[in-house]
Amino acid sequence: MSDALASLTLRQFRLILAIAEDAQLSVAAERLALTQPGASRMLAEIERLVGQPLFDRHAKGMRPTPVGEVLARHAATLLGGLDQAASEMAAFRAGRTGTVRVGAVTGAAVAYVVPAIQTLRRDAAGVDIRVDVAPSVDLMGGLLAGEYDFVLARVPSETDTTAIEVLRGRTEDLALLGRAGHPMAGDGPLGLAGLSSLTWVMQAPGMPIRAAVDAAYLAEGLAPPSEVVDTASLLVTLAYLRDTNAVAPAAREVADLLIGAGAAGIVRLPLARPITLSPYNLIRRRQRPASPVAERLMTMVLDRLGQ
């Protein structure tokens, strides 16, 4: 019997299930696009292989024998699993399921990755999405190690650029944050010289925001701030600003999000001259095919970067 079952084809299993569900050979044959004589010959061949009749014929149609009930039940399980697999494969190819791993610097994550994910989720609820926010050097290391499908980051000088493809990018403007009621909040556009005596809460030396602030000071012939609390933690920054007159530079998109959410009474302190960060880009590895859903999300992010 086991050898006989192993020799049955999917088409034969479909016929067994169709006859069990319809109770009429003619109806089952029509459902499977078979002629009635062709369906009859196929059923006879199945019963020959199994060695027992699968259906009792009676005036009102066909009723499964005990062996026929077993085969019909397992045919439903087998064919249902195949149909589910086909449905999942179709969803995968269409980019409605699967896994995406994205890395981004903070401003890019807020401005471009999050809105793209929200759009994708509207018709791809089954997608598993991981987003990491980290410094560019960590993101690039993760990309080259295969941890990300793509990243929005700056390319560190030591990166082997032959292994990556650098696509569309954006520059970021910095906003200066302080607590609500900050003594300089109503003074109009602020020059860097007047801010030098304050404590600055920002990234460590060499990181993009710190480098942009230092460069802006040097461009005006001024020494960069000497009172600095080094941190990359947004929570630490907010906690420090809340109870002091310190200031903190942040990407404009991040500042807009914090102020719009009313985060801990944070306000923007207007700068007399804009401070611009070095550009970041959407970057992926060369010669590494991405899944359909990763390609779909990457296209959405690229479209937003181009607007």
C-alpha atoms as a PDB file:
ATOM      1  CA  MET A   1       0.000   0.000   0.000  1.00  0.00           C
ATOM      2  CA  SER A   2       2.791   2.448   0.892  1.00  0.00           C
ATOM      3  CA  ASP A   3       4.468   1.916  -2.480  1.00  0.00           C
ATOM      4  CA  ALA A   4       1.133   2.468  -4.197  1.00  0.00           C
ATOM      5  CA  LEU A   5       0.511   5.728  -2.327  1.00  0.00           C
ATOM      6  CA  ALA A   6       3.995   6.962  -3.171  1.00  0.00           C
ATOM      7  CA  SER A   7       3.261   6.477  -6.850  1.00  0.00           C
ATOM      8  CA  LEU A   8       0.089   8.608  -6.813  1.00  0.00           C
ATOM      9  CA  THR A   9       0.385  11.949  -8.576  1.00  0.00           C
ATOM     10  CA  LEU A  10      -0.920  15.322  -7.410  1.00  0.00           C
ATOM     11  CA  ARG A  11      -3.503  15.178 -10.186  1.00  0.00           C
ATOM     12  CA  GLN A  12      -4.747  11.867  -8.871  1.00  0.00           C
ATOM     13  CA  PHE A  13      -4.976  13.221  -5.332  1.00  0.00           C
ATOM     14  CA  ARG A  14      -6.950  16.183  -6.690  1.00  0.00           C
ATOM     15  CA  LEU A  15      -9.404  13.793  -8.339  1.00  0.00           C
ATOM     16  CA  ILE A  16      -9.864  11.793  -5.112  1.00  0.00           C
ATOM     17  CA  LEU A  17     -10.619  14.982  -3.164  1.00  0.00           C
ATOM     18  CA  ALA A  18     -12.918  16.403  -5.840  1.00  0.00           C
ATOM     19  CA  ILE A  19     -15.016  13.222  -6.016  1.00  0.00           C
ATOM     20  CA  ALA A  20     -15.241  13.093  -2.197  1.00  0.00           C
ATOM     21  CA  GLU A  21     -16.406  16.720  -2.074  1.00  0.00           C
ATOM     22  CA  ASP A  22     -18.767  16.671  -5.081  1.00  0.00           C
ATOM     23  CA  ALA A  23     -20.077  13.067  -4.839  1.00  0.00           C
ATOM     24  CA  GLN A  24     -20.392  13.112  -8.633  1.00  0.00           C
ATOM     25  CA  LEU A  25     -17.692  11.948 -11.036  1.00  0.00           C
ATOM     26  CA  SER A  26     -18.984  14.252 -13.784  1.00  0.00           C
ATOM     27  CA  VAL A  27     -18.860  17.340 -11.519  1.00  0.00           C
ATOM     28  CA  ALA A  28     -15.395  16.455 -10.248  1.00  0.00           C
ATOM     29  CA  ALA A  29     -14.191  15.931 -13.827  1.00  0.00           C
ATOM     30  CA  GLU A  30     -15.521  19.333 -14.893  1.00  0.00           C
ATOM     31  CA  ARG A  31     -13.841  21.028 -11.910  1.00  0.00           C
ATOM     32  CA  LEU A  32     -10.493  19.516 -12.903  1.00  0.00           C
ATOM     33  CA  ALA A  33     -10.959  20.195 -16.646  1.00  0.00           C
ATOM     34  CA  LEU A  34     -11.134  16.462 -17.438  1.00  0.00           C
ATOM     35  CA  THR A  35     -13.544  14.564 -19.620  1.00  0.00           C
ATOM     36  CA  GLN A  36     -15.774  12.171 -17.731  1.00  0.00           C
ATOM     37  CA  PRO A  37     -14.268   9.119 -19.480  1.00  0.00           C
ATOM     38  CA  GLY A  38     -10.777  10.448 -18.671  1.00  0.00           C
ATOM     39  CA  ALA A  39     -11.696  10.924 -14.997  1.00  0.00           C
ATOM     40  CA  SER A  40     -13.214   7.440 -14.890  1.00  0.00           C
ATOM     41  CA  ARG A  41     -10.026   5.887 -16.303  1.00  0.00           C
ATOM     42  CA  MET A  42      -7.886   7.847 -13.806  1.00  0.00           C
ATOM     43  CA  LEU A  43     -10.013   6.656 -10.877  1.00  0.00           C
ATOM     44  CA  ALA A  44      -9.798   3.059 -12.101  1.00  0.00           C
ATOM     45  CA  GLU A  45      -5.992   3.379 -12.274  1.00  0.00           C
ATOM     46  CA  ILE A  46      -5.889   4.789  -8.709  1.00  0.00           C
ATOM     47  CA  GLU A  47      -8.003   1.933  -7.381  1.00  0.00           C
ATOM     48  CA  ARG A  48      -5.788  -0.567  -9.227  1.00  0.00           C
ATOM     49  CA  LEU A  49      -2.685   0.915  -7.580  1.00  0.00           C
ATOM     50  CA  VAL A  50      -4.284   0.992  -4.131  1.00  0.00           C
ATOM     51  CA  GLY A  51      -5.793  -2.464  -4.567  1.00  0.00           C
ATOM     52  CA  GLN A  52      -9.187  -1.484  -3.160  1.00  0.00           C
ATOM     53  CA  PRO A  53     -12.191   0.540  -4.294  1.00  0.00           C
ATOM     54  CA  LEU A  54     -12.173   4.113  -3.041  1.00  0.00           C
ATOM     55  CA  PHE A  55     -15.837   4.931  -3.682  1.00  0.00           C
ATOM     56  CA  ASP A  56     -19.149   3.101  -3.516  1.00  0.00           C
ATOM     57  CA  ARG A  57     -21.413   3.881  -6.452  1.00  0.00           C
ATOM     58  CA  HIS A  58     -25.091   4.415  -5.647  1.00  0.00           C
ATOM     59  CA  ALA A  59     -28.088   6.111  -7.160  1.00  0.00           C
ATOM     60  CA  LYS A  60     -27.310   9.558  -5.724  1.00  0.00           C
ATOM     61  CA  GLY A  61     -23.656   9.571  -6.616  1.00  0.00           C
ATOM     62  CA  MET A  62     -20.442   8.322  -5.061  1.00  0.00           C
ATOM     63  CA  ARG A  63     -19.609   7.833  -1.376  1.00  0.00           C
ATOM     64  CA  PRO A  64     -16.033   7.235  -0.125  1.00  0.00           C
ATOM     65  CA  THR A  65     -15.194   3.835   1.264  1.00  0.00           C
ATOM     66  CA  PRO A  66     -13.225   3.807   4.543  1.00  0.00           C
ATOM     67  CA  VAL A  67     -10.012   3.693   2.505  1.00  0.00           C
ATOM     68  CA  GLY A  68     -11.354   6.451   0.275  1.00  0.00           C
ATOM     69  CA  GLU A  69     -12.096   8.625   3.341  1.00  0.00           C
ATOM     70  CA  VAL A  70      -8.505   8.233   4.554  1.00  0.00           C
ATOM     71  CA  LEU A  71      -7.088   9.154   1.155  1.00  0.00           C
ATOM     72  CA  ALA A  72      -9.488  12.077   0.713  1.00  0.00           C
ATOM     73  CA  ARG A  73      -8.566  13.465   4.141  1.00  0.00           C
ATOM     74  CA  HIS A  74      -4.850  13.251   3.416  1.00  0.00           C
ATOM     75  CA  ALA A  75      -5.384  14.648  -0.079  1.00  0.00           C
ATOM     76  CA  ALA A  76      -7.024  17.714   1.493  1.00  0.00           C
ATOM     77  CA  THR A  77      -4.061  18.178   3.839  1.00  0.00           C
ATOM     78  CA  LEU A  78      -1.486  17.682   1.081  1.00  0.00           C
ATOM     79  CA  LEU A  79      -3.167  19.925  -1.465  1.00  0.00           C
ATOM     80  CA  GLY A  80      -4.035  22.559   1.125  1.00  0.00           C
ATOM     81  CA  GLY A  81      -0.376  22.738   2.129  1.00  0.00           C
ATOM     82  CA  LEU A  82       0.683  23.100  -1.492  1.00  0.00           C
ATOM     83  CA  ASP A  83      -1.875  25.840  -2.097  1.00  0.00           C
ATOM     84  CA  GLN A  84      -0.652  27.649   1.019  1.00  0.00           C
ATOM     85  CA  ALA A  85       2.939  27.338  -0.174  1.00  0.00           C
ATOM     86  CA  ALA A  86       1.962  28.712  -3.580  1.00  0.00           C
ATOM     87  CA  SER A  87       0.142  31.626  -1.948  1.00  0.00           C
ATOM     88  CA  GLU A  88       3.121  32.409   0.273  1.00  0.00           C
ATOM     89  CA  MET A  89       5.515  32.210  -2.664  1.00  0.00           C
ATOM     90  CA  ALA A  90       3.327  34.599  -4.660  1.00  0.00           C
ATOM     91  CA  ALA A  91       3.279  37.022  -1.715  1.00  0.00           C
ATOM     92  CA  PHE A  92       7.053  36.715  -1.368  1.00  0.00           C
ATOM     93  CA  ARG A  93       7.633  37.455  -5.052  1.00  0.00           C
ATOM     94  CA  ALA A  94       5.278  40.447  -4.843  1.00  0.00           C
ATOM     95  CA  GLY A  95       7.150  41.831  -1.820  1.00  0.00           C
ATOM     96  CA  ARG A  96       4.255  41.341   0.602  1.00  0.00           C
ATOM     97  CA  THR A  97       6.104  38.971   2.938  1.00  0.00           C
ATOM     98  CA  GLY A  98       9.646  38.181   3.955  1.00  0.00           C
ATOM     99  CA  THR A  99      12.301  39.894   6.061  1.00  0.00           C
ATOM    100  CA  VAL A 100      13.983  43.278   5.616  1.00  0.00           C
ATOM    101  CA  ARG A 101      16.978  44.454   7.628  1.00  0.00           C
ATOM    102  CA  VAL A 102      17.737  48.176   7.431  1.00  0.00           C
ATOM    103  CA  GLY A 103      20.273  50.381   9.177  1.00  0.00           C
ATOM    104  CA  ALA A 104      20.171  54.181   9.251  1.00  0.00           C
ATOM    105  CA  VAL A 105      21.571  57.234  10.948  1.00  0.00           C
ATOM    106  CA  THR A 106      18.988  58.917  13.152  1.00  0.00           C
ATOM    107  CA  GLY A 107      17.812  61.709  10.855  1.00  0.00           C
ATOM    108  CA  ALA A 108      17.477  59.391   7.860  1.00  0.00           C
ATOM    109  CA  ALA A 109      15.556  56.837   9.911  1.00  0.00           C
ATOM    110  CA  VAL A 110      13.059  59.466  11.061  1.00  0.00           C
ATOM    111  CA  ALA A 111      12.667  61.263   7.728  1.00  0.00           C
ATOM    112  CA  TYR A 112      12.741  58.409   5.211  1.00  0.00           C
ATOM    113  CA  VAL A 113      12.826  54.895   6.627  1.00  0.00           C
ATOM    114  CA  VAL A 114       9.878  55.164   9.012  1.00  0.00           C
ATOM    115  CA  PRO A 115       7.462  56.729   6.457  1.00  0.00           C
ATOM    116  CA  ALA A 116       8.460  54.112   3.853  1.00  0.00           C
ATOM    117  CA  ILE A 117       7.799  51.290   6.328  1.00  0.00           C
ATOM    118  CA  GLN A 118       4.398  52.746   7.172  1.00  0.00           C
ATOM    119  CA  THR A 119       3.508  52.770   3.465  1.00  0.00           C
ATOM    120  CA  LEU A 120       4.757  49.219   2.968  1.00  0.00           C
ATOM    121  CA  ARG A 121       2.771  47.943   5.940  1.00  0.00           C
ATOM    122  CA  ARG A 122      -0.521  49.021   4.387  1.00  0.00           C
ATOM    123  CA  ASP A 123      -0.590  45.992   2.085  1.00  0.00           C
ATOM    124  CA  ALA A 124       2.268  43.890   3.487  1.00  0.00           C
ATOM    125  CA  ALA A 125       1.344  43.278   7.108  1.00  0.00           C
ATOM    126  CA  GLY A 126       3.256  39.986   7.130  1.00  0.00           C
ATOM    127  CA  VAL A 127       6.650  41.570   6.498  1.00  0.00           C
ATOM    128  CA  ASP A 128       9.227  41.197   9.272  1.00  0.00           C
ATOM    129  CA  ILE A 129      11.134  44.488   9.417  1.00  0.00           C
ATOM    130  CA  ARG A 130      14.195  45.230  11.548  1.00  0.00           C
ATOM    131  CA  VAL A 131      15.546  48.787  11.753  1.00  0.00           C
ATOM    132  CA  ASP A 132      18.780  49.634  13.547  1.00  0.00           C
ATOM    133  CA  VAL A 133      19.805  53.239  14.263  1.00  0.00           C
ATOM    134  CA  ALA A 134      23.544  53.582  14.770  1.00  0.00           C
ATOM    135  CA  PRO A 135      26.621  55.587  13.754  1.00  0.00           C
ATOM    136  CA  SER A 136      27.710  55.232  10.134  1.00  0.00           C
ATOM    137  CA  VAL A 137      30.851  53.268  10.960  1.00  0.00           C
ATOM    138  CA  ASP A 138      28.770  50.586  12.703  1.00  0.00           C
ATOM    139  CA  LEU A 139      26.176  50.545   9.943  1.00  0.00           C
ATOM    140  CA  MET A 140      28.796  50.102   7.222  1.00  0.00           C
ATOM    141  CA  GLY A 141      30.461  47.313   9.170  1.00  0.00           C
ATOM    142  CA  GLY A 142      27.097  45.578   9.481  1.00  0.00           C
ATOM    143  CA  LEU A 143      26.335  46.019   5.787  1.00  0.00           C
ATOM    144  CA  LEU A 144      29.645  44.488   4.720  1.00  0.00           C
ATOM    145  CA  ALA A 145      29.099  41.629   7.193  1.00  0.00           C
ATOM    146  CA  GLY A 146      25.735  40.850   5.593  1.00  0.00           C
ATOM    147  CA  GLU A 147      23.604  42.068   8.507  1.00  0.00           C
ATOM    148  CA  TYR A 148      21.629  44.621   6.453  1.00  0.00           C
ATOM    149  CA  ASP A 149      19.911  44.661   3.081  1.00  0.00           C
ATOM    150  CA  PHE A 150      20.766  48.351   2.794  1.00  0.00           C
ATOM    151  CA  VAL A 151      21.747  51.264   5.001  1.00  0.00           C
ATOM    152  CA  LEU A 152      21.429  55.043   4.996  1.00  0.00           C
ATOM    153  CA  ALA A 153      24.808  56.161   6.222  1.00  0.00           C
ATOM    154  CA  ARG A 154      27.951  58.113   5.525  1.00  0.00           C
ATOM    155  CA  VAL A 155      30.846  56.208   3.988  1.00  0.00           C
ATOM    156  CA  PRO A 156      33.795  56.062   6.401  1.00  0.00           C
ATOM    157  CA  SER A 157      37.122  56.913   4.775  1.00  0.00           C
ATOM    158  CA  GLU A 158      38.535  53.434   5.365  1.00  0.00           C
ATOM    159  CA  THR A 159      35.668  51.633   3.588  1.00  0.00           C
ATOM    160  CA  ASP A 160      36.445  49.371   0.619  1.00  0.00           C
ATOM    161  CA  THR A 161      34.157  51.125  -1.864  1.00  0.00           C
ATOM    162  CA  THR A 162      34.580  48.370  -4.482  1.00  0.00           C
ATOM    163  CA  ALA A 163      32.266  46.221  -2.348  1.00  0.00           C
ATOM    164  CA  ILE A 164      29.395  48.722  -2.139  1.00  0.00           C
ATOM    165  CA  GLU A 165      27.000  50.618  -4.372  1.00  0.00           C
ATOM    166  CA  VAL A 166      26.286  54.195  -3.271  1.00  0.00           C
ATOM    167  CA  LEU A 167      22.894  55.452  -4.402  1.00  0.00           C
ATOM    168  CA  ARG A 168      20.887  58.625  -3.822  1.00  0.00           C
ATOM    169  CA  GLY A 169      21.625  60.694  -0.733  1.00  0.00           C
ATOM    170  CA  ARG A 170      20.756  63.793   1.253  1.00  0.00           C
ATOM    171  CA  THR A 171      22.460  66.418   3.390  1.00  0.00           C
ATOM    172  CA  GLU A 172      21.170  67.266   6.858  1.00  0.00           C
ATOM    173  CA  ASP A 173      20.834  70.626   8.563  1.00  0.00           C
ATOM    174  CA  LEU A 174      21.344  70.804  12.304  1.00  0.00           C
ATOM    175  CA  ALA A 175      18.900  72.357  14.734  1.00  0.00           C
ATOM    176  CA  LEU A 176      19.944  73.593  18.164  1.00  0.00           C
ATOM    177  CA  LEU A 177      17.825  72.404  21.082  1.00  0.00           C
ATOM    178  CA  GLY A 178      17.383  73.742  24.576  1.00  0.00           C
ATOM    179  CA  ARG A 179      14.863  73.587  27.384  1.00  0.00           C
ATOM    180  CA  ALA A 180      11.628  75.558  27.339  1.00  0.00           C
ATOM    181  CA  GLY A 181      12.350  78.844  29.093  1.00  0.00           C
ATOM    182  CA  HIS A 182      15.999  78.826  28.089  1.00  0.00           C
ATOM    183  CA  PRO A 183      17.450  82.318  28.670  1.00  0.00           C
ATOM    184  CA  MET A 184      18.472  82.595  24.999  1.00  0.00           C
ATOM    185  CA  ALA A 185      15.162  81.371  23.607  1.00  0.00           C
ATOM    186  CA  GLY A 186      13.841  84.856  22.901  1.00  0.00           C
ATOM    187  CA  ASP A 187      17.051  86.484  21.710  1.00  0.00           C
ATOM    188  CA  GLY A 188      16.488  85.929  17.980  1.00  0.00           C
ATOM    189  CA  PRO A 189      19.028  84.221  15.729  1.00  0.00           C
ATOM    190  CA  LEU A 190      22.034  83.184  17.797  1.00  0.00           C
ATOM    191  CA  GLY A 191      25.642  83.472  16.727  1.00  0.00           C
ATOM    192  CA  LEU A 192      28.119  80.781  17.640  1.00  0.00           C
ATOM    193  CA  ALA A 193      30.273  83.172  19.648  1.00  0.00           C
ATOM    194  CA  GLY A 194      27.438  83.812  22.075  1.00  0.00           C
ATOM    195  CA  LEU A 195      26.915  80.085  22.567  1.00  0.00           C
ATOM    196  CA  SER A 196      30.542  79.241  23.363  1.00  0.00           C
ATOM    197  CA  SER A 197      30.141  79.709  27.121  1.00  0.00           C
ATOM    198  CA  LEU A 198      27.328  77.144  27.329  1.00  0.00           C
ATOM    199  CA  THR A 199      27.625  73.412  27.859  1.00  0.00           C
ATOM    200  CA  TRP A 200      27.025  71.475  24.654  1.00  0.00           C
ATOM    201  CA  VAL A 201      25.603  67.935  24.736  1.00  0.00           C
ATOM    202  CA  MET A 202      26.628  66.109  21.569  1.00  0.00           C
ATOM    203  CA  GLN A 203      28.497  63.244  19.950  1.00  0.00           C
ATOM    204  CA  ALA A 204      32.115  62.416  20.614  1.00  0.00           C
ATOM    205  CA  PRO A 205      34.925  64.005  18.562  1.00  0.00           C
ATOM    206  CA  GLY A 206      35.062  62.746  14.984  1.00  0.00           C
ATOM    207  CA  MET A 207      31.363  61.884  14.812  1.00  0.00           C
ATOM    208  CA  PRO A 208      29.323  63.732  12.143  1.00  0.00           C
ATOM    209  CA  ILE A 209      27.373  66.162  14.342  1.00  0.00           C
ATOM    210  CA  ARG A 210      30.404  67.022  16.458  1.00  0.00           C
ATOM    211  CA  ALA A 211      32.535  67.467  13.326  1.00  0.00           C
ATOM    212  CA  ALA A 212      29.926  69.795  11.776  1.00  0.00           C
ATOM    213  CA  VAL A 213      29.743  71.951  14.913  1.00  0.00           C
ATOM    214  CA  ASP A 214      33.543  72.138  15.212  1.00  0.00           C
ATOM    215  CA  ALA A 215      33.850  73.022  11.518  1.00  0.00           C
ATOM    216  CA  ALA A 216      31.232  75.780  11.841  1.00  0.00           C
ATOM    217  CA  TYR A 217      33.153  77.319  14.760  1.00  0.00           C
ATOM    218  CA  LEU A 218      36.499  77.089  12.959  1.00  0.00           C
ATOM    219  CA  ALA A 219      34.979  78.645   9.808  1.00  0.00           C
ATOM    220  CA  GLU A 220      34.175  81.731  11.892  1.00  0.00           C
ATOM    221  CA  GLY A 221      37.655  81.836  13.399  1.00  0.00           C
ATOM    222  CA  LEU A 222      36.402  80.642  16.779  1.00  0.00           C
ATOM    223  CA  ALA A 223      37.522  77.827  19.040  1.00  0.00           C
ATOM    224  CA  PRO A 224      34.953  75.014  19.309  1.00  0.00           C
ATOM    225  CA  PRO A 225      32.996  74.718  22.563  1.00  0.00           C
ATOM    226  CA  SER A 226      35.149  73.604  25.494  1.00  0.00           C
ATOM    227  CA  GLU A 227      32.356  72.506  27.819  1.00  0.00           C
ATOM    228  CA  VAL A 228      30.994  69.364  26.179  1.00  0.00           C
ATOM    229  CA  VAL A 229      29.115  66.328  27.464  1.00  0.00           C
ATOM    230  CA  ASP A 230      29.876  63.484  25.032  1.00  0.00           C
ATOM    231  CA  THR A 231      26.909  61.206  24.418  1.00  0.00           C
ATOM    232  CA  ALA A 232      25.125  59.606  21.490  1.00  0.00           C
ATOM    233  CA  SER A 233      22.069  58.825  23.634  1.00  0.00           C
ATOM    234  CA  LEU A 234      18.979  60.860  22.872  1.00  0.00           C
ATOM    235  CA  LEU A 235      17.495  60.060  26.287  1.00  0.00           C
ATOM    236  CA  VAL A 236      20.620  61.264  28.081  1.00  0.00           C
ATOM    237  CA  THR A 237      20.567  64.422  25.976  1.00  0.00           C
ATOM    238  CA  LEU A 238      16.939  65.186  26.819  1.00  0.00           C
ATOM    239  CA  ALA A 239      17.488  64.514  30.507  1.00  0.00           C
ATOM    240  CA  TYR A 240      20.497  66.861  30.603  1.00  0.00           C
ATOM    241  CA  LEU A 241      18.712  69.653  28.734  1.00  0.00           C
ATOM    242  CA  ARG A 242      15.648  69.486  30.958  1.00  0.00           C
ATOM    243  CA  ASP A 243      17.311  70.870  34.090  1.00  0.00           C
ATOM    244  CA  THR A 244      20.161  73.002  32.710  1.00  0.00           C
ATOM    245  CA  ASN A 245      20.891  75.760  30.216  1.00  0.00           C
ATOM    246  CA  ALA A 246      22.900  73.375  28.043  1.00  0.00           C
ATOM    247  CA  VAL A 247      22.250  73.159  24.318  1.00  0.00           C
ATOM    248  CA  ALA A 248      22.316  70.166  21.987  1.00  0.00           C
ATOM    249  CA  PRO A 249      22.621  69.983  18.198  1.00  0.00           C
ATOM    250  CA  ALA A 250      20.391  67.463  16.439  1.00  0.00           C
ATOM    251  CA  ALA A 251      19.406  66.610  12.883  1.00  0.00           C
ATOM    252  CA  ARG A 252      16.508  68.822  11.807  1.00  0.00           C
ATOM    253  CA  GLU A 253      14.173  65.829  11.337  1.00  0.00           C
ATOM    254  CA  VAL A 254      14.910  64.613  14.849  1.00  0.00           C
ATOM    255  CA  ALA A 255      14.348  68.098  16.281  1.00  0.00           C
ATOM    256  CA  ASP A 256      11.022  68.387  14.455  1.00  0.00           C
ATOM    257  CA  LEU A 257       9.926  65.026  15.869  1.00  0.00           C
ATOM    258  CA  LEU A 258      10.885  65.911  19.445  1.00  0.00           C
ATOM    259  CA  ILE A 259       9.317  69.350  19.381  1.00  0.00           C
ATOM    260  CA  GLY A 260       6.171  68.109  17.639  1.00  0.00           C
ATOM    261  CA  ALA A 261       5.773  65.410  20.279  1.00  0.00           C
ATOM    262  CA  GLY A 262       6.270  67.921  23.098  1.00  0.00           C
ATOM    263  CA  ALA A 263       9.249  65.934  24.361  1.00  0.00           C
ATOM    264  CA  ALA A 264      10.161  67.111  27.866  1.00  0.00           C
ATOM    265  CA  GLY A 265       9.587  70.797  27.076  1.00  0.00           C
ATOM    266  CA  ILE A 266      12.254  71.035  24.383  1.00  0.00           C
ATOM    267  CA  VAL A 267      12.405  74.080  22.074  1.00  0.00           C
ATOM    268  CA  ARG A 268      14.464  75.088  19.078  1.00  0.00           C
ATOM    269  CA  LEU A 269      17.002  77.888  19.532  1.00  0.00           C
ATOM    270  CA  PRO A 270      17.365  79.760  16.213  1.00  0.00           C
ATOM    271  CA  LEU A 271      20.853  79.885  14.707  1.00  0.00           C
ATOM    272  CA  ALA A 272      22.123  82.899  12.790  1.00  0.00           C
ATOM    273  CA  ARG A 273      23.845  80.618  10.273  1.00  0.00           C
ATOM    274  CA  PRO A 274      22.846  77.090   9.324  1.00  0.00           C
ATOM    275  CA  ILE A 275      25.126  74.187  10.226  1.00  0.00           C
ATOM    276  CA  THR A 276      25.091  71.428   7.616  1.00  0.00           C
ATOM    277  CA  LEU A 277      26.164  67.830   8.140  1.00  0.00           C
ATOM    278  CA  SER A 278      28.101  65.843   5.562  1.00  0.00           C
ATOM    279  CA  PRO A 279      25.703  63.943   3.249  1.00  0.00           C
ATOM    280  CA  TYR A 280      24.534  60.402   3.852  1.00  0.00           C
ATOM    281  CA  ASN A 281      23.529  57.979   1.102  1.00  0.00           C
ATOM    282  CA  LEU A 282      21.503  54.856   0.590  1.00  0.00           C
ATOM    283  CA  ILE A 283      24.130  52.124   0.290  1.00  0.00           C
ATOM    284  CA  ARG A 284      23.920  48.439  -0.550  1.00  0.00           C
ATOM    285  CA  ARG A 285      26.428  45.694  -1.244  1.00  0.00           C
ATOM    286  CA  ARG A 286      27.398  44.960  -4.821  1.00  0.00           C
ATOM    287  CA  GLN A 287      26.493  41.612  -6.365  1.00  0.00           C
ATOM    288  CA  ARG A 288      24.229  40.637  -3.503  1.00  0.00           C
ATOM    289  CA  PRO A 289      20.634  40.113  -4.621  1.00  0.00           C
ATOM    290  CA  ALA A 290      18.005  41.434  -2.245  1.00  0.00           C
ATOM    291  CA  SER A 291      14.668  39.801  -1.515  1.00  0.00           C
ATOM    292  CA  PRO A 292      11.610  41.234  -3.327  1.00  0.00           C
ATOM    293  CA  VAL A 293      10.363  42.927  -0.164  1.00  0.00           C
ATOM    294  CA  ALA A 294      13.799  44.454   0.523  1.00  0.00           C
ATOM    295  CA  GLU A 295      13.897  45.774  -3.053  1.00  0.00           C
ATOM    296  CA  ARG A 296      10.416  47.159  -2.616  1.00  0.00           C
ATOM    297  CA  LEU A 297      11.246  49.010   0.604  1.00  0.00           C
ATOM    298  CA  MET A 298      14.519  50.280  -0.849  1.00  0.00           C
ATOM    299  CA  THR A 299      12.657  51.692  -3.873  1.00  0.00           C
ATOM    300  CA  MET A 300      10.218  53.479  -1.556  1.00  0.00           C
ATOM    301  CA  VAL A 301      13.077  55.048   0.397  1.00  0.00           C
ATOM    302  CA  LEU A 302      14.856  56.071  -2.822  1.00  0.00           C
ATOM    303  CA  ASP A 303      11.677  57.710  -4.101  1.00  0.00           C
ATOM    304  CA  ARG A 304      11.384  59.727  -0.903  1.00  0.00           C
ATOM    305  CA  LEU A 305      15.043  60.754  -1.059  1.00  0.00           C
ATOM    306  CA  GLY A 306      14.434  62.094  -4.557  1.00  0.00           C
ATOM    307  CA  GLN A 307      11.488  64.297  -3.590  1.00  0.00           C
END
